[in-house]
Amino acid sequence: SGTIHLAPLSDAELWNETITKARFW
């Protein structure tokens, strides 16, 4: 058996990196 655990988080650096890549297009 297996269990998946999820939790919300905030990571401003990761968000900026991701949105910068998205805005390239």
PDB file of all heavy atoms in Angstrom:
ATOM      1  N   SER A   1       0.848  -1.195   0.000  1.00  0.00           N
ATOM      2  CA  SER A   1       0.000   0.000   0.000  1.00  0.00           C
ATOM      3  C   SER A   1       0.878   1.237   0.000  1.00  0.00           C
ATOM      4  O   SER A   1       2.086   1.162   0.269  1.00  0.00           O
ATOM      5  CB  SER A   1      -0.931   0.023   1.223  1.00  0.00           C
ATOM      6  OG  SER A   1      -0.181   0.119   2.424  1.00  0.00           O
ATOM      7  N   GLY A   2       0.283   2.365  -0.319  1.00  0.00           N
ATOM      8  CA  GLY A   2       1.021   3.624  -0.320  1.00  0.00           C
ATOM      9  C   GLY A   2       0.094   4.779   0.001  1.00  0.00           C
ATOM     10  O   GLY A   2      -1.119   4.695  -0.224  1.00  0.00           O
ATOM     11  N   THR A   3       0.646   5.825   0.544  1.00  0.00           N
ATOM     12  CA  THR A   3      -0.131   7.006   0.910  1.00  0.00           C
ATOM     13  C   THR A   3       0.528   8.252   0.338  1.00  0.00           C
ATOM     14  O   THR A   3       1.750   8.409   0.461  1.00  0.00           O
ATOM     15  CB  THR A   3      -0.234   7.152   2.441  1.00  0.00           C
ATOM     16  OG1 THR A   3      -0.774   5.957   2.998  1.00  0.00           O
ATOM     17  CG2 THR A   3      -1.125   8.340   2.816  1.00  0.00           C
ATOM     18  N   ILE A   4      -0.259   9.096  -0.301  1.00  0.00           N
ATOM     19  CA  ILE A   4       0.241  10.360  -0.834  1.00  0.00           C
ATOM     20  C   ILE A   4      -0.166  11.482   0.113  1.00  0.00           C
ATOM     21  O   ILE A   4      -1.341  11.627   0.447  1.00  0.00           O
ATOM     22  CB  ILE A   4      -0.321  10.628  -2.243  1.00  0.00           C
ATOM     23  CG1 ILE A   4       0.113   9.527  -3.209  1.00  0.00           C
ATOM     24  CG2 ILE A   4       0.156  11.994  -2.757  1.00  0.00           C
ATOM     25  CD1 ILE A   4      -0.492   9.673  -4.595  1.00  0.00           C
ATOM     26  N   HIS A   5       0.804  12.270   0.556  1.00  0.00           N
ATOM     27  CA  HIS A   5       0.547  13.418   1.417  1.00  0.00           C
ATOM     28  C   HIS A   5       0.794  14.703   0.626  1.00  0.00           C
ATOM     29  O   HIS A   5       1.827  14.839  -0.037  1.00  0.00           O
ATOM     30  CB  HIS A   5       1.446  13.386   2.651  1.00  0.00           C
ATOM     31  CG  HIS A   5       1.218  12.207   3.555  1.00  0.00           C
ATOM     32  ND1 HIS A   5       0.257  12.210   4.534  1.00  0.00           N
ATOM     33  CD2 HIS A   5       1.816  10.999   3.597  1.00  0.00           C
ATOM     34  CE1 HIS A   5       0.276  11.045   5.161  1.00  0.00           C
ATOM     35  NE2 HIS A   5       1.210  10.291   4.607  1.00  0.00           N
ATOM     36  N   LEU A   6      -0.123  15.631   0.675  1.00  0.00           N
ATOM     37  CA  LEU A   6       0.006  16.918  -0.004  1.00  0.00           C
ATOM     38  C   LEU A   6      -0.101  18.048   1.013  1.00  0.00           C
ATOM     39  O   LEU A   6      -0.869  17.956   1.974  1.00  0.00           O
ATOM     40  CB  LEU A   6      -1.088  17.088  -1.060  1.00  0.00           C
ATOM     41  CG  LEU A   6      -1.102  16.092  -2.229  1.00  0.00           C
ATOM     42  CD1 LEU A   6      -2.335  16.333  -3.097  1.00  0.00           C
ATOM     43  CD2 LEU A   6       0.153  16.227  -3.054  1.00  0.00           C
ATOM     44  N   ALA A   7       0.662  19.104   0.783  1.00  0.00           N
ATOM     45  CA  ALA A   7       0.584  20.280   1.658  1.00  0.00           C
ATOM     46  C   ALA A   7       0.857  21.527   0.826  1.00  0.00           C
ATOM     47  O   ALA A   7       1.769  21.528  -0.016  1.00  0.00           O
ATOM     48  CB  ALA A   7       1.594  20.173   2.794  1.00  0.00           C
ATOM     49  N   PRO A   8       0.087  22.594   1.002  1.00  0.00           N
ATOM     50  CA  PRO A   8       0.344  23.841   0.263  1.00  0.00           C
ATOM     51  C   PRO A   8       1.622  24.502   0.764  1.00  0.00           C
ATOM     52  O   PRO A   8       1.990  24.365   1.940  1.00  0.00           O
ATOM     53  CB  PRO A   8      -0.893  24.691   0.579  1.00  0.00           C
ATOM     54  CG  PRO A   8      -1.351  24.185   1.912  1.00  0.00           C
ATOM     55  CD  PRO A   8      -1.058  22.716   1.922  1.00  0.00           C
ATOM     56  N   LEU A   9       2.311  25.215  -0.139  1.00  0.00           N
ATOM     57  CA  LEU A   9       3.506  25.947   0.266  1.00  0.00           C
ATOM     58  C   LEU A   9       3.657  27.176  -0.614  1.00  0.00           C
ATOM     59  O   LEU A   9       3.035  27.284  -1.677  1.00  0.00           O
ATOM     60  CB  LEU A   9       4.755  25.063   0.173  1.00  0.00           C
ATOM     61  CG  LEU A   9       5.159  24.528  -1.210  1.00  0.00           C
ATOM     62  CD1 LEU A   9       6.061  25.519  -1.949  1.00  0.00           C
ATOM     63  CD2 LEU A   9       5.843  23.180  -1.090  1.00  0.00           C
ATOM     64  N   SER A  10       4.484  28.083  -0.168  1.00  0.00           N
ATOM     65  CA  SER A  10       4.770  29.293  -0.933  1.00  0.00           C
ATOM     66  C   SER A  10       6.276  29.399  -1.116  1.00  0.00           C
ATOM     67  O   SER A  10       7.033  29.345  -0.142  1.00  0.00           O
ATOM     68  CB  SER A  10       4.238  30.529  -0.187  1.00  0.00           C
ATOM     69  OG  SER A  10       4.573  31.709  -0.888  1.00  0.00           O
ATOM     70  N   ASP A  11       6.705  29.514  -2.373  1.00  0.00           N
ATOM     71  CA  ASP A  11       8.134  29.609  -2.678  1.00  0.00           C
ATOM     72  C   ASP A  11       8.291  30.696  -3.732  1.00  0.00           C
ATOM     73  O   ASP A  11       8.123  30.459  -4.928  1.00  0.00           O
ATOM     74  CB  ASP A  11       8.650  28.269  -3.181  1.00  0.00           C
ATOM     75  CG  ASP A  11      10.171  28.269  -3.380  1.00  0.00           C
ATOM     76  OD1 ASP A  11      10.738  29.336  -3.679  1.00  0.00           O
ATOM     77  OD2 ASP A  11      10.782  27.191  -3.244  1.00  0.00           O
ATOM     78  N   ALA A  12       8.589  31.917  -3.289  1.00  0.00           N
ATOM     79  CA  ALA A  12       8.653  33.066  -4.190  1.00  0.00           C
ATOM     80  C   ALA A  12       9.733  32.893  -5.256  1.00  0.00           C
ATOM     81  O   ALA A  12       9.530  33.242  -6.424  1.00  0.00           O
ATOM     82  CB  ALA A  12       8.908  34.344  -3.386  1.00  0.00           C
ATOM     83  N   GLU A  13      10.866  32.322  -4.876  1.00  0.00           N
ATOM     84  CA  GLU A  13      11.962  32.148  -5.835  1.00  0.00           C
ATOM     85  C   GLU A  13      11.564  31.174  -6.941  1.00  0.00           C
ATOM     86  O   GLU A  13      11.814  31.435  -8.127  1.00  0.00           O
ATOM     87  CB  GLU A  13      13.203  31.638  -5.103  1.00  0.00           C
ATOM     88  CG  GLU A  13      14.429  31.512  -6.001  1.00  0.00           C
ATOM     89  CD  GLU A  13      15.671  31.086  -5.241  1.00  0.00           C
ATOM     90  OE1 GLU A  13      15.658  31.149  -3.997  1.00  0.00           O
ATOM     91  OE2 GLU A  13      16.648  30.687  -5.903  1.00  0.00           O
ATOM     92  N   LEU A  14      10.939  30.080  -6.575  1.00  0.00           N
ATOM     93  CA  LEU A  14      10.505  29.109  -7.569  1.00  0.00           C
ATOM     94  C   LEU A  14       9.410  29.698  -8.451  1.00  0.00           C
ATOM     95  O   LEU A  14       9.396  29.475  -9.665  1.00  0.00           O
ATOM     96  CB  LEU A  14       9.991  27.837  -6.874  1.00  0.00           C
ATOM     97  CG  LEU A  14       9.453  26.738  -7.789  1.00  0.00           C
ATOM     98  CD1 LEU A  14      10.527  26.254  -8.750  1.00  0.00           C
ATOM     99  CD2 LEU A  14       8.905  25.575  -6.965  1.00  0.00           C
ATOM    100  N   TRP A  15       8.502  30.476  -7.868  1.00  0.00           N
ATOM    101  CA  TRP A  15       7.425  31.094  -8.653  1.00  0.00           C
ATOM    102  C   TRP A  15       8.011  32.050  -9.682  1.00  0.00           C
ATOM    103  O   TRP A  15       7.613  32.044 -10.852  1.00  0.00           O
ATOM    104  CB  TRP A  15       6.468  31.842  -7.727  1.00  0.00           C
ATOM    105  CG  TRP A  15       5.250  32.355  -8.448  1.00  0.00           C
ATOM    106  CD1 TRP A  15       4.075  31.720  -8.640  1.00  0.00           C
ATOM    107  CD2 TRP A  15       5.120  33.645  -9.085  1.00  0.00           C
ATOM    108  NE1 TRP A  15       3.211  32.506  -9.359  1.00  0.00           N
ATOM    109  CE2 TRP A  15       3.818  33.697  -9.651  1.00  0.00           C
ATOM    110  CE3 TRP A  15       5.961  34.748  -9.225  1.00  0.00           C
ATOM    111  CZ2 TRP A  15       3.351  34.806 -10.335  1.00  0.00           C
ATOM    112  CZ3 TRP A  15       5.496  35.857  -9.920  1.00  0.00           C
ATOM    113  CH2 TRP A  15       4.207  35.877 -10.469  1.00  0.00           C
ATOM    114  N   ASN A  16       8.976  32.873  -9.277  1.00  0.00           N
ATOM    115  CA  ASN A  16       9.596  33.825 -10.202  1.00  0.00           C
ATOM    116  C   ASN A  16      10.323  33.105 -11.330  1.00  0.00           C
ATOM    117  O   ASN A  16      10.258  33.521 -12.490  1.00  0.00           O
ATOM    118  CB  ASN A  16      10.573  34.730  -9.440  1.00  0.00           C
ATOM    119  CG  ASN A  16       9.858  35.771  -8.596  1.00  0.00           C
ATOM    120  OD1 ASN A  16       8.765  36.221  -8.948  1.00  0.00           O
ATOM    121  ND2 ASN A  16      10.454  36.145  -7.474  1.00  0.00           N
ATOM    122  N   GLU A  17      11.014  32.021 -10.988  1.00  0.00           N
ATOM    123  CA  GLU A  17      11.720  31.256 -12.014  1.00  0.00           C
ATOM    124  C   GLU A  17      10.742  30.665 -13.022  1.00  0.00           C
ATOM    125  O   GLU A  17      10.970  30.726 -14.235  1.00  0.00           O
ATOM    126  CB  GLU A  17      12.521  30.127 -11.348  1.00  0.00           C
ATOM    127  CG  GLU A  17      13.262  29.240 -12.331  1.00  0.00           C
ATOM    128  CD  GLU A  17      13.949  28.078 -11.655  1.00  0.00           C
ATOM    129  OE1 GLU A  17      14.143  28.115 -10.428  1.00  0.00           O
ATOM    130  OE2 GLU A  17      14.296  27.103 -12.369  1.00  0.00           O
ATOM    131  N   THR A  18       9.623  30.139 -12.529  1.00  0.00           N
ATOM    132  CA  THR A  18       8.640  29.513 -13.402  1.00  0.00           C
ATOM    133  C   THR A  18       7.935  30.540 -14.282  1.00  0.00           C
ATOM    134  O   THR A  18       7.750  30.333 -15.490  1.00  0.00           O
ATOM    135  CB  THR A  18       7.600  28.743 -12.557  1.00  0.00           C
ATOM    136  OG1 THR A  18       8.284  27.785 -11.747  1.00  0.00           O
ATOM    137  CG2 THR A  18       6.605  28.019 -13.461  1.00  0.00           C
ATOM    138  N   ILE A  19       7.527  31.659 -13.694  1.00  0.00           N
ATOM    139  CA  ILE A  19       6.788  32.659 -14.461  1.00  0.00           C
ATOM    140  C   ILE A  19       7.689  33.327 -15.498  1.00  0.00           C
ATOM    141  O   ILE A  19       7.246  33.690 -16.594  1.00  0.00           O
ATOM    142  CB  ILE A  19       6.145  33.720 -13.531  1.00  0.00           C
ATOM    143  CG1 ILE A  19       5.030  34.460 -14.262  1.00  0.00           C
ATOM    144  CG2 ILE A  19       7.177  34.686 -12.986  1.00  0.00           C
ATOM    145  CD1 ILE A  19       3.846  33.591 -14.627  1.00  0.00           C
ATOM    146  N   THR A  20       8.987  33.452 -15.186  1.00  0.00           N
ATOM    147  CA  THR A  20       9.932  34.023 -16.151  1.00  0.00           C
ATOM    148  C   THR A  20      10.050  33.117 -17.376  1.00  0.00           C
ATOM    149  O   THR A  20      10.079  33.591 -18.518  1.00  0.00           O
ATOM    150  CB  THR A  20      11.315  34.206 -15.493  1.00  0.00           C
ATOM    151  OG1 THR A  20      11.199  35.115 -14.397  1.00  0.00           O
ATOM    152  CG2 THR A  20      12.320  34.747 -16.509  1.00  0.00           C
ATOM    153  N   LYS A  21      10.107  31.814 -17.142  1.00  0.00           N
ATOM    154  CA  LYS A  21      10.166  30.869 -18.258  1.00  0.00           C
ATOM    155  C   LYS A  21       8.884  30.920 -19.084  1.00  0.00           C
ATOM    156  O   LYS A  21       8.919  30.853 -20.314  1.00  0.00           O
ATOM    157  CB  LYS A  21      10.396  29.450 -17.725  1.00  0.00           C
ATOM    158  CG  LYS A  21      11.781  29.236 -17.149  1.00  0.00           C
ATOM    159  CD  LYS A  21      11.930  27.803 -16.637  1.00  0.00           C
ATOM    160  CE  LYS A  21      13.331  27.581 -16.081  1.00  0.00           C
ATOM    161  NZ  LYS A  21      13.482  26.190 -15.553  1.00  0.00           N
ATOM    162  N   ALA A  22       7.746  31.046 -18.417  1.00  0.00           N
ATOM    163  CA  ALA A  22       6.469  31.087 -19.123  1.00  0.00           C
ATOM    164  C   ALA A  22       6.350  32.355 -19.974  1.00  0.00           C
ATOM    165  O   ALA A  22       5.835  32.322 -21.105  1.00  0.00           O
ATOM    166  CB  ALA A  22       5.323  30.999 -18.126  1.00  0.00           C
ATOM    167  N   ARG A  23       6.824  33.474 -19.453  1.00  0.00           N
ATOM    168  CA  ARG A  23       6.700  34.737 -20.177  1.00  0.00           C
ATOM    169  C   ARG A  23       7.621  34.818 -21.374  1.00  0.00           C
ATOM    170  O   ARG A  23       7.431  35.675 -22.246  1.00  0.00           O
ATOM    171  CB  ARG A  23       6.973  35.898 -19.204  1.00  0.00           C
ATOM    172  CG  ARG A  23       5.788  36.144 -18.254  1.00  0.00           C
ATOM    173  CD  ARG A  23       6.082  37.174 -17.202  1.00  0.00           C
ATOM    174  NE  ARG A  23       4.893  37.414 -16.374  1.00  0.00           N
ATOM    175  CZ  ARG A  23       4.896  38.022 -15.202  1.00  0.00           C
ATOM    176  NH1 ARG A  23       6.059  38.448 -14.691  1.00  0.00           N
ATOM    177  NH2 ARG A  23       3.795  38.193 -14.521  1.00  0.00           N
ATOM    178  N   PHE A  24       8.622  33.959 -21.417  1.00  0.00           N
ATOM    179  CA  PHE A  24       9.485  33.910 -22.602  1.00  0.00           C
ATOM    180  C   PHE A  24       8.652  33.694 -23.863  1.00  0.00           C
ATOM    181  O   PHE A  24       8.914  34.275 -24.906  1.00  0.00           O
ATOM    182  CB  PHE A  24      10.511  32.774 -22.440  1.00  0.00           C
ATOM    183  CG  PHE A  24      11.304  32.499 -23.690  1.00  0.00           C
ATOM    184  CD1 PHE A  24      12.422  33.259 -23.981  1.00  0.00           C
ATOM    185  CD2 PHE A  24      10.925  31.488 -24.571  1.00  0.00           C
ATOM    186  CE1 PHE A  24      13.172  33.003 -25.142  1.00  0.00           C
ATOM    187  CE2 PHE A  24      11.676  31.244 -25.710  1.00  0.00           C
ATOM    188  CZ  PHE A  24      12.776  31.993 -26.009  1.00  0.00           C
ATOM    189  N   TRP A  25       7.609  32.851 -23.744  1.00  0.00           N
ATOM    190  CA  TRP A  25       6.782  32.503 -24.897  1.00  0.00           C
ATOM    191  C   TRP A  25       5.681  33.533 -25.155  1.00  0.00           C
ATOM    192  O   TRP A  25       4.941  33.412 -26.125  1.00  0.00           O
ATOM    193  CB  TRP A  25       6.134  31.127 -24.679  1.00  0.00           C
ATOM    194  CG  TRP A  25       7.177  30.058 -24.528  1.00  0.00           C
ATOM    195  CD1 TRP A  25       7.571  29.447 -23.377  1.00  0.00           C
ATOM    196  CD2 TRP A  25       7.971  29.503 -25.570  1.00  0.00           C
ATOM    197  NE1 TRP A  25       8.571  28.533 -23.635  1.00  0.00           N
ATOM    198  CE2 TRP A  25       8.836  28.537 -24.979  1.00  0.00           C
ATOM    199  CE3 TRP A  25       8.061  29.707 -26.959  1.00  0.00           C
ATOM    200  CZ2 TRP A  25       9.761  27.805 -25.708  1.00  0.00           C
ATOM    201  CZ3 TRP A  25       8.968  28.962 -27.696  1.00  0.00           C
ATOM    202  CH2 TRP A  25       9.811  28.037 -27.068  1.00  0.00           C
TER     203      TRP A  25
END
